[in-house]
PDB file of all heavy atoms in Angstrom:
ATOM      1  N   ALA A   1      11.182   6.156  -0.166  1.00  0.00           N
ATOM      2  CA  ALA A   1       9.720   6.009  -0.249  1.00  0.00           C
ATOM      3  C   ALA A   1       9.255   5.155   0.927  1.00  0.00           C
ATOM      4  O   ALA A   1       9.456   5.544   2.080  1.00  0.00           O
ATOM      5  CB  ALA A   1       9.313   5.426  -1.599  1.00  0.00           C
ATOM      6  N   ASN A   2       8.700   3.974   0.663  1.00  0.00           N
ATOM      7  CA  ASN A   2       8.081   3.209   1.749  1.00  0.00           C
ATOM      8  C   ASN A   2       8.427   1.731   1.752  1.00  0.00           C
ATOM      9  O   ASN A   2       7.731   0.936   2.386  1.00  0.00           O
ATOM     10  CB  ASN A   2       6.560   3.383   1.707  1.00  0.00           C
ATOM     11  CG  ASN A   2       6.146   4.830   1.797  1.00  0.00           C
ATOM     12  OD1 ASN A   2       5.770   5.420   0.799  1.00  0.00           O
ATOM     13  ND2 ASN A   2       6.260   5.423   2.970  1.00  0.00           N
ATOM     14  N   HIS A   3       9.489   1.341   1.049  1.00  0.00           N
ATOM     15  CA  HIS A   3       9.993  -0.030   1.169  1.00  0.00           C
ATOM     16  C   HIS A   3      11.456   0.033   1.572  1.00  0.00           C
ATOM     17  O   HIS A   3      12.213   0.907   1.154  1.00  0.00           O
ATOM     18  CB  HIS A   3       9.814  -0.811  -0.137  1.00  0.00           C
ATOM     19  CG  HIS A   3      10.644  -0.310  -1.279  1.00  0.00           C
ATOM     20  ND1 HIS A   3      10.354   0.863  -1.961  1.00  0.00           N
ATOM     21  CD2 HIS A   3      11.778  -0.800  -1.857  1.00  0.00           C
ATOM     22  CE1 HIS A   3      11.243   1.062  -2.911  1.00  0.00           C
ATOM     23  NE2 HIS A   3      12.126   0.065  -2.865  1.00  0.00           N
ATOM     24  N   LEU A   4      11.859  -0.892   2.436  1.00  0.00           N
ATOM     25  CA  LEU A   4      13.213  -0.921   2.986  1.00  0.00           C
ATOM     26  C   LEU A   4      14.183  -1.424   1.921  1.00  0.00           C
ATOM     27  O   LEU A   4      13.860  -2.324   1.143  1.00  0.00           O
ATOM     28  CB  LEU A   4      13.244  -1.832   4.213  1.00  0.00           C
ATOM     29  CG  LEU A   4      12.200  -1.481   5.292  1.00  0.00           C
ATOM     30  CD1 LEU A   4      12.033  -2.642   6.266  1.00  0.00           C
ATOM     31  CD2 LEU A   4      12.575  -0.207   6.019  1.00  0.00           C
ATOM     32  N   ILE A   5      15.393  -0.868   1.891  1.00  0.00           N
ATOM     33  CA  ILE A   5      16.320  -1.204   0.807  1.00  0.00           C
ATOM     34  C   ILE A   5      17.612  -1.841   1.306  1.00  0.00           C
ATOM     35  O   ILE A   5      18.438  -2.259   0.492  1.00  0.00           O
ATOM     36  CB  ILE A   5      16.645   0.037  -0.046  1.00  0.00           C
ATOM     37  CG1 ILE A   5      17.272   1.152   0.807  1.00  0.00           C
ATOM     38  CG2 ILE A   5      15.389   0.548  -0.739  1.00  0.00           C
ATOM     39  CD1 ILE A   5      17.697   2.370  -0.004  1.00  0.00           C
ATOM     40  N   SER A   6      17.813  -1.961   2.607  1.00  0.00           N
ATOM     41  CA  SER A   6      19.011  -2.612   3.130  1.00  0.00           C
ATOM     42  C   SER A   6      18.900  -4.125   2.959  1.00  0.00           C
ATOM     43  O   SER A   6      17.796  -4.683   2.905  1.00  0.00           O
ATOM     44  CB  SER A   6      19.211  -2.274   4.608  1.00  0.00           C
ATOM     45  OG  SER A   6      19.369  -0.885   4.789  1.00  0.00           O
ATOM     46  N   SER A   7      20.034  -4.812   2.909  1.00  0.00           N
ATOM     47  CA  SER A   7      20.054  -6.261   2.693  1.00  0.00           C
ATOM     48  C   SER A   7      19.352  -7.024   3.814  1.00  0.00           C
ATOM     49  O   SER A   7      18.919  -8.162   3.623  1.00  0.00           O
ATOM     50  CB  SER A   7      21.497  -6.754   2.552  1.00  0.00           C
ATOM     51  OG  SER A   7      22.252  -6.439   3.730  1.00  0.00           O
ATOM     52  N   GLN A   8      19.235  -6.410   4.991  1.00  0.00           N
ATOM     53  CA  GLN A   8      18.546  -7.034   6.125  1.00  0.00           C
ATOM     54  C   GLN A   8      17.143  -7.503   5.736  1.00  0.00           C
ATOM     55  O   GLN A   8      16.639  -8.504   6.243  1.00  0.00           O
ATOM     56  CB  GLN A   8      18.459  -6.019   7.276  1.00  0.00           C
ATOM     57  CG  GLN A   8      17.569  -6.418   8.438  1.00  0.00           C
ATOM     58  CD  GLN A   8      18.161  -7.528   9.274  1.00  0.00           C
ATOM     59  OE1 GLN A   8      19.354  -7.523   9.539  1.00  0.00           O
ATOM     60  NE2 GLN A   8      17.339  -8.496   9.659  1.00  0.00           N
ATOM     61  N   TRP A   9      16.503  -6.795   4.801  1.00  0.00           N
ATOM     62  CA  TRP A   9      15.098  -7.050   4.481  1.00  0.00           C
ATOM     63  C   TRP A   9      14.928  -7.725   3.115  1.00  0.00           C
ATOM     64  O   TRP A   9      13.821  -7.747   2.576  1.00  0.00           O
ATOM     65  CB  TRP A   9      14.326  -5.734   4.494  1.00  0.00           C
ATOM     66  CG  TRP A   9      14.789  -4.796   5.548  1.00  0.00           C
ATOM     67  CD1 TRP A   9      15.606  -3.721   5.391  1.00  0.00           C
ATOM     68  CD2 TRP A   9      14.494  -4.854   6.951  1.00  0.00           C
ATOM     69  NE1 TRP A   9      15.831  -3.091   6.593  1.00  0.00           N
ATOM     70  CE2 TRP A   9      15.164  -3.770   7.577  1.00  0.00           C
ATOM     71  CE3 TRP A   9      13.717  -5.708   7.746  1.00  0.00           C
ATOM     72  CZ2 TRP A   9      15.091  -3.525   8.933  1.00  0.00           C
ATOM     73  CZ3 TRP A   9      13.643  -5.462   9.111  1.00  0.00           C
ATOM     74  CH2 TRP A   9      14.315  -4.385   9.691  1.00  0.00           C
ATOM     75  N   ALA A  10      16.005  -8.265   2.558  1.00  0.00           N
ATOM     76  CA  ALA A  10      15.958  -8.793   1.190  1.00  0.00           C
ATOM     77  C   ALA A  10      14.904  -9.885   1.017  1.00  0.00           C
ATOM     78  O   ALA A  10      14.319 -10.019  -0.063  1.00  0.00           O
ATOM     79  CB  ALA A  10      17.333  -9.313   0.787  1.00  0.00           C
ATOM     80  N   HIS A  11      14.669 -10.674   2.041  1.00  0.00           N
ATOM     81  CA  HIS A  11      13.733 -11.794   1.930  1.00  0.00           C
ATOM     82  C   HIS A  11      12.490 -11.602   2.808  1.00  0.00           C
ATOM     83  O   HIS A  11      11.789 -12.567   3.099  1.00  0.00           O
ATOM     84  CB  HIS A  11      14.439 -13.097   2.301  1.00  0.00           C
ATOM     85  CG  HIS A  11      15.665 -13.362   1.475  1.00  0.00           C
ATOM     86  ND1 HIS A  11      15.611 -13.654   0.134  1.00  0.00           N
ATOM     87  CD2 HIS A  11      16.989 -13.340   1.814  1.00  0.00           C
ATOM     88  CE1 HIS A  11      16.838 -13.818  -0.335  1.00  0.00           C
ATOM     89  NE2 HIS A  11      17.690 -13.640   0.659  1.00  0.00           N
ATOM     90  N   ASP A  12      12.248 -10.373   3.198  1.00  0.00           N
ATOM     91  CA  ASP A  12      11.100 -10.068   4.056  1.00  0.00           C
ATOM     92  C   ASP A  12       9.843  -9.967   3.191  1.00  0.00           C
ATOM     93  O   ASP A  12       9.774  -9.166   2.252  1.00  0.00           O
ATOM     94  CB  ASP A  12      11.357  -8.746   4.796  1.00  0.00           C
ATOM     95  CG  ASP A  12      10.293  -8.430   5.818  1.00  0.00           C
ATOM     96  OD1 ASP A  12       9.200  -7.979   5.416  1.00  0.00           O
ATOM     97  OD2 ASP A  12      10.547  -8.633   7.011  1.00  0.00           O
ATOM     98  N   GLU A  13       8.834 -10.773   3.482  1.00  0.00           N
ATOM     99  CA  GLU A  13       7.651 -10.855   2.629  1.00  0.00           C
ATOM    100  C   GLU A  13       6.832  -9.557   2.626  1.00  0.00           C
ATOM    101  O   GLU A  13       6.341  -9.124   1.584  1.00  0.00           O
ATOM    102  CB  GLU A  13       6.766 -12.025   3.063  1.00  0.00           C
ATOM    103  CG  GLU A  13       7.380 -13.394   2.795  1.00  0.00           C
ATOM    104  CD  GLU A  13       6.440 -14.530   3.154  1.00  0.00           C
ATOM    105  OE1 GLU A  13       5.287 -14.241   3.559  1.00  0.00           O
ATOM    106  OE2 GLU A  13       6.857 -15.696   3.025  1.00  0.00           O
ATOM    107  N   THR A  14       6.680  -8.942   3.806  1.00  0.00           N
ATOM    108  CA  THR A  14       5.908  -7.706   3.869  1.00  0.00           C
ATOM    109  C   THR A  14       6.597  -6.606   3.086  1.00  0.00           C
ATOM    110  O   THR A  14       5.956  -5.854   2.337  1.00  0.00           O
ATOM    111  CB  THR A  14       5.714  -7.269   5.334  1.00  0.00           C
ATOM    112  OG1 THR A  14       5.043  -8.303   6.049  1.00  0.00           O
ATOM    113  CG2 THR A  14       4.894  -5.995   5.421  1.00  0.00           C
ATOM    114  N   ASN A  15       7.917  -6.498   3.238  1.00  0.00           N
ATOM    115  CA  ASN A  15       8.662  -5.488   2.497  1.00  0.00           C
ATOM    116  C   ASN A  15       8.600  -5.752   0.994  1.00  0.00           C
ATOM    117  O   ASN A  15       8.467  -4.826   0.188  1.00  0.00           O
ATOM    118  CB  ASN A  15      10.118  -5.466   2.964  1.00  0.00           C
ATOM    119  CG  ASN A  15      10.897  -4.321   2.368  1.00  0.00           C
ATOM    120  OD1 ASN A  15      10.507  -3.166   2.460  1.00  0.00           O
ATOM    121  ND2 ASN A  15      12.003  -4.648   1.713  1.00  0.00           N
ATOM    122  N   THR A  16       8.672  -7.016   0.604  1.00  0.00           N
ATOM    123  CA  THR A  16       8.572  -7.369  -0.814  1.00  0.00           C
ATOM    124  C   THR A  16       7.204  -6.989  -1.368  1.00  0.00           C
ATOM    125  O   THR A  16       7.093  -6.492  -2.501  1.00  0.00           O
ATOM    126  CB  THR A  16       8.815  -8.878  -1.005  1.00  0.00           C
ATOM    127  OG1 THR A  16      10.119  -9.205  -0.524  1.00  0.00           O
ATOM    128  CG2 THR A  16       8.703  -9.269  -2.463  1.00  0.00           C
ATOM    129  N   PHE A  17       6.158  -7.197  -0.563  1.00  0.00           N
ATOM    130  CA  PHE A  17       4.818  -6.797  -0.974  1.00  0.00           C
ATOM    131  C   PHE A  17       4.762  -5.295  -1.232  1.00  0.00           C
ATOM    132  O   PHE A  17       4.214  -4.835  -2.248  1.00  0.00           O
ATOM    133  CB  PHE A  17       3.800  -7.187   0.101  1.00  0.00           C
ATOM    134  CG  PHE A  17       2.448  -6.568  -0.070  1.00  0.00           C
ATOM    135  CD1 PHE A  17       1.562  -7.045  -1.021  1.00  0.00           C
ATOM    136  CD2 PHE A  17       2.056  -5.491   0.728  1.00  0.00           C
ATOM    137  CE1 PHE A  17       0.308  -6.469  -1.184  1.00  0.00           C
ATOM    138  CE2 PHE A  17       0.809  -4.912   0.568  1.00  0.00           C
ATOM    139  CZ  PHE A  17      -0.068  -5.397  -0.388  1.00  0.00           C
ATOM    140  N   ARG A  18       5.328  -4.511  -0.322  1.00  0.00           N
ATOM    141  CA  ARG A  18       5.318  -3.057  -0.500  1.00  0.00           C
ATOM    142  C   ARG A  18       6.072  -2.646  -1.763  1.00  0.00           C
ATOM    143  O   ARG A  18       5.667  -1.734  -2.472  1.00  0.00           O
ATOM    144  CB  ARG A  18       5.937  -2.372   0.720  1.00  0.00           C
ATOM    145  CG  ARG A  18       4.988  -2.262   1.900  1.00  0.00           C
ATOM    146  CD  ARG A  18       5.618  -1.505   3.053  1.00  0.00           C
ATOM    147  NE  ARG A  18       4.632  -1.269   4.104  1.00  0.00           N
ATOM    148  CZ  ARG A  18       4.154  -0.076   4.424  1.00  0.00           C
ATOM    149  NH1 ARG A  18       4.548   0.980   3.760  1.00  0.00           N
ATOM    150  NH2 ARG A  18       3.269   0.053   5.393  1.00  0.00           N
ATOM    151  N   SER A  19       7.186  -3.313  -2.022  1.00  0.00           N
ATOM    152  CA  SER A  19       8.004  -2.968  -3.186  1.00  0.00           C
ATOM    153  C   SER A  19       7.367  -3.400  -4.492  1.00  0.00           C
ATOM    154  O   SER A  19       7.325  -2.638  -5.467  1.00  0.00           O
ATOM    155  CB  SER A  19       9.389  -3.614  -3.043  1.00  0.00           C
ATOM    156  OG  SER A  19      10.185  -3.368  -4.183  1.00  0.00           O
ATOM    157  N   ASN A  20       6.826  -4.617  -4.528  1.00  0.00           N
ATOM    158  CA  ASN A  20       6.348  -5.187  -5.790  1.00  0.00           C
ATOM    159  C   ASN A  20       4.891  -4.878  -6.093  1.00  0.00           C
ATOM    160  O   ASN A  20       4.511  -4.781  -7.269  1.00  0.00           O
ATOM    161  CB  ASN A  20       6.531  -6.707  -5.786  1.00  0.00           C
ATOM    162  CG  ASN A  20       8.001  -7.114  -5.760  1.00  0.00           C
ATOM    163  OD1 ASN A  20       8.884  -6.281  -5.972  1.00  0.00           O
ATOM    164  ND2 ASN A  20       8.256  -8.380  -5.502  1.00  0.00           N
ATOM    165  N   GLU A  21       4.063  -4.740  -5.052  1.00  0.00           N
ATOM    166  CA  GLU A  21       2.629  -4.627  -5.271  1.00  0.00           C
ATOM    167  C   GLU A  21       2.082  -3.214  -5.074  1.00  0.00           C
ATOM    168  O   GLU A  21       1.012  -2.896  -5.598  1.00  0.00           O
ATOM    169  CB  GLU A  21       1.876  -5.583  -4.336  1.00  0.00           C
ATOM    170  CG  GLU A  21       2.287  -7.043  -4.470  1.00  0.00           C
ATOM    171  CD  GLU A  21       2.002  -7.609  -5.850  1.00  0.00           C
ATOM    172  OE1 GLU A  21       1.031  -7.145  -6.476  1.00  0.00           O
ATOM    173  OE2 GLU A  21       2.757  -8.492  -6.305  1.00  0.00           O
ATOM    174  N   LEU A  22       2.789  -2.387  -4.318  1.00  0.00           N
ATOM    175  CA  LEU A  22       2.317  -1.028  -4.072  1.00  0.00           C
ATOM    176  C   LEU A  22       3.119  -0.041  -4.913  1.00  0.00           C
ATOM    177  O   LEU A  22       3.815  -0.429  -5.843  1.00  0.00           O
ATOM    178  CB  LEU A  22       2.393  -0.722  -2.574  1.00  0.00           C
ATOM    179  CG  LEU A  22       1.614  -1.690  -1.665  1.00  0.00           C
ATOM    180  CD1 LEU A  22       1.716  -1.253  -0.210  1.00  0.00           C
ATOM    181  CD2 LEU A  22       0.154  -1.795  -2.092  1.00  0.00           C
ATOM    182  N   THR A  23       3.057   1.227  -4.589  1.00  0.00           N
ATOM    183  CA  THR A  23       3.651   2.257  -5.448  1.00  0.00           C
ATOM    184  C   THR A  23       5.031   2.711  -4.989  1.00  0.00           C
ATOM    185  O   THR A  23       5.639   3.567  -5.617  1.00  0.00           O
ATOM    186  CB  THR A  23       2.733   3.490  -5.495  1.00  0.00           C
ATOM    187  OG1 THR A  23       2.657   4.069  -4.180  1.00  0.00           O
ATOM    188  CG2 THR A  23       1.337   3.108  -5.960  1.00  0.00           C
ATOM    189  N   SER A  24       5.538   2.152  -3.897  1.00  0.00           N
ATOM    190  CA  SER A  24       6.765   2.660  -3.295  1.00  0.00           C
ATOM    191  C   SER A  24       7.954   2.611  -4.252  1.00  0.00           C
ATOM    192  O   SER A  24       8.685   3.593  -4.407  1.00  0.00           O
ATOM    193  CB  SER A  24       7.085   1.867  -2.017  1.00  0.00           C
ATOM    194  OG  SER A  24       8.265   2.335  -1.424  1.00  0.00           O
ATOM    195  N   ALA A  25       8.169   1.469  -4.920  1.00  0.00           N
ATOM    196  CA  ALA A  25       9.333   1.326  -5.796  1.00  0.00           C
ATOM    197  C   ALA A  25       9.266   2.300  -6.965  1.00  0.00           C
ATOM    198  O   ALA A  25      10.291   2.858  -7.385  1.00  0.00           O
ATOM    199  CB  ALA A  25       9.428  -0.113  -6.298  1.00  0.00           C
ATOM    200  N   VAL A  26       8.067   2.520  -7.494  1.00  0.00           N
ATOM    201  CA  VAL A  26       7.906   3.455  -8.618  1.00  0.00           C
ATOM    202  C   VAL A  26       8.246   4.870  -8.180  1.00  0.00           C
ATOM    203  O   VAL A  26       8.965   5.596  -8.881  1.00  0.00           O
ATOM    204  CB  VAL A  26       6.467   3.381  -9.165  1.00  0.00           C
ATOM    205  CG1 VAL A  26       6.249   4.437 -10.247  1.00  0.00           C
ATOM    206  CG2 VAL A  26       6.175   1.998  -9.714  1.00  0.00           C
ATOM    207  N   ARG A  27       7.736   5.282  -7.020  1.00  0.00           N
ATOM    208  CA  ARG A  27       8.010   6.639  -6.538  1.00  0.00           C
ATOM    209  C   ARG A  27       9.492   6.834  -6.232  1.00  0.00           C
ATOM    210  O   ARG A  27      10.076   7.879  -6.537  1.00  0.00           O
ATOM    211  CB  ARG A  27       7.167   6.940  -5.295  1.00  0.00           C
ATOM    212  CG  ARG A  27       5.708   7.196  -5.621  1.00  0.00           C
ATOM    213  CD  ARG A  27       4.884   7.560  -4.401  1.00  0.00           C
ATOM    214  NE  ARG A  27       4.593   6.402  -3.561  1.00  0.00           N
ATOM    215  CZ  ARG A  27       5.082   6.179  -2.354  1.00  0.00           C
ATOM    216  NH1 ARG A  27       5.926   7.057  -1.804  1.00  0.00           N
ATOM    217  NH2 ARG A  27       4.740   5.111  -1.668  1.00  0.00           N
TER     218      ARG A  27
END
C-alpha cells in the first residue's frame, strides 16, 4: 500500500503517520 514496512523506517514519524492515521495499513 503506502507505508514502508522495512525496519529502516521503524521509527520514522512520517511513515508512522501514514500507517496509523491514514488508510494504508488497513488496505
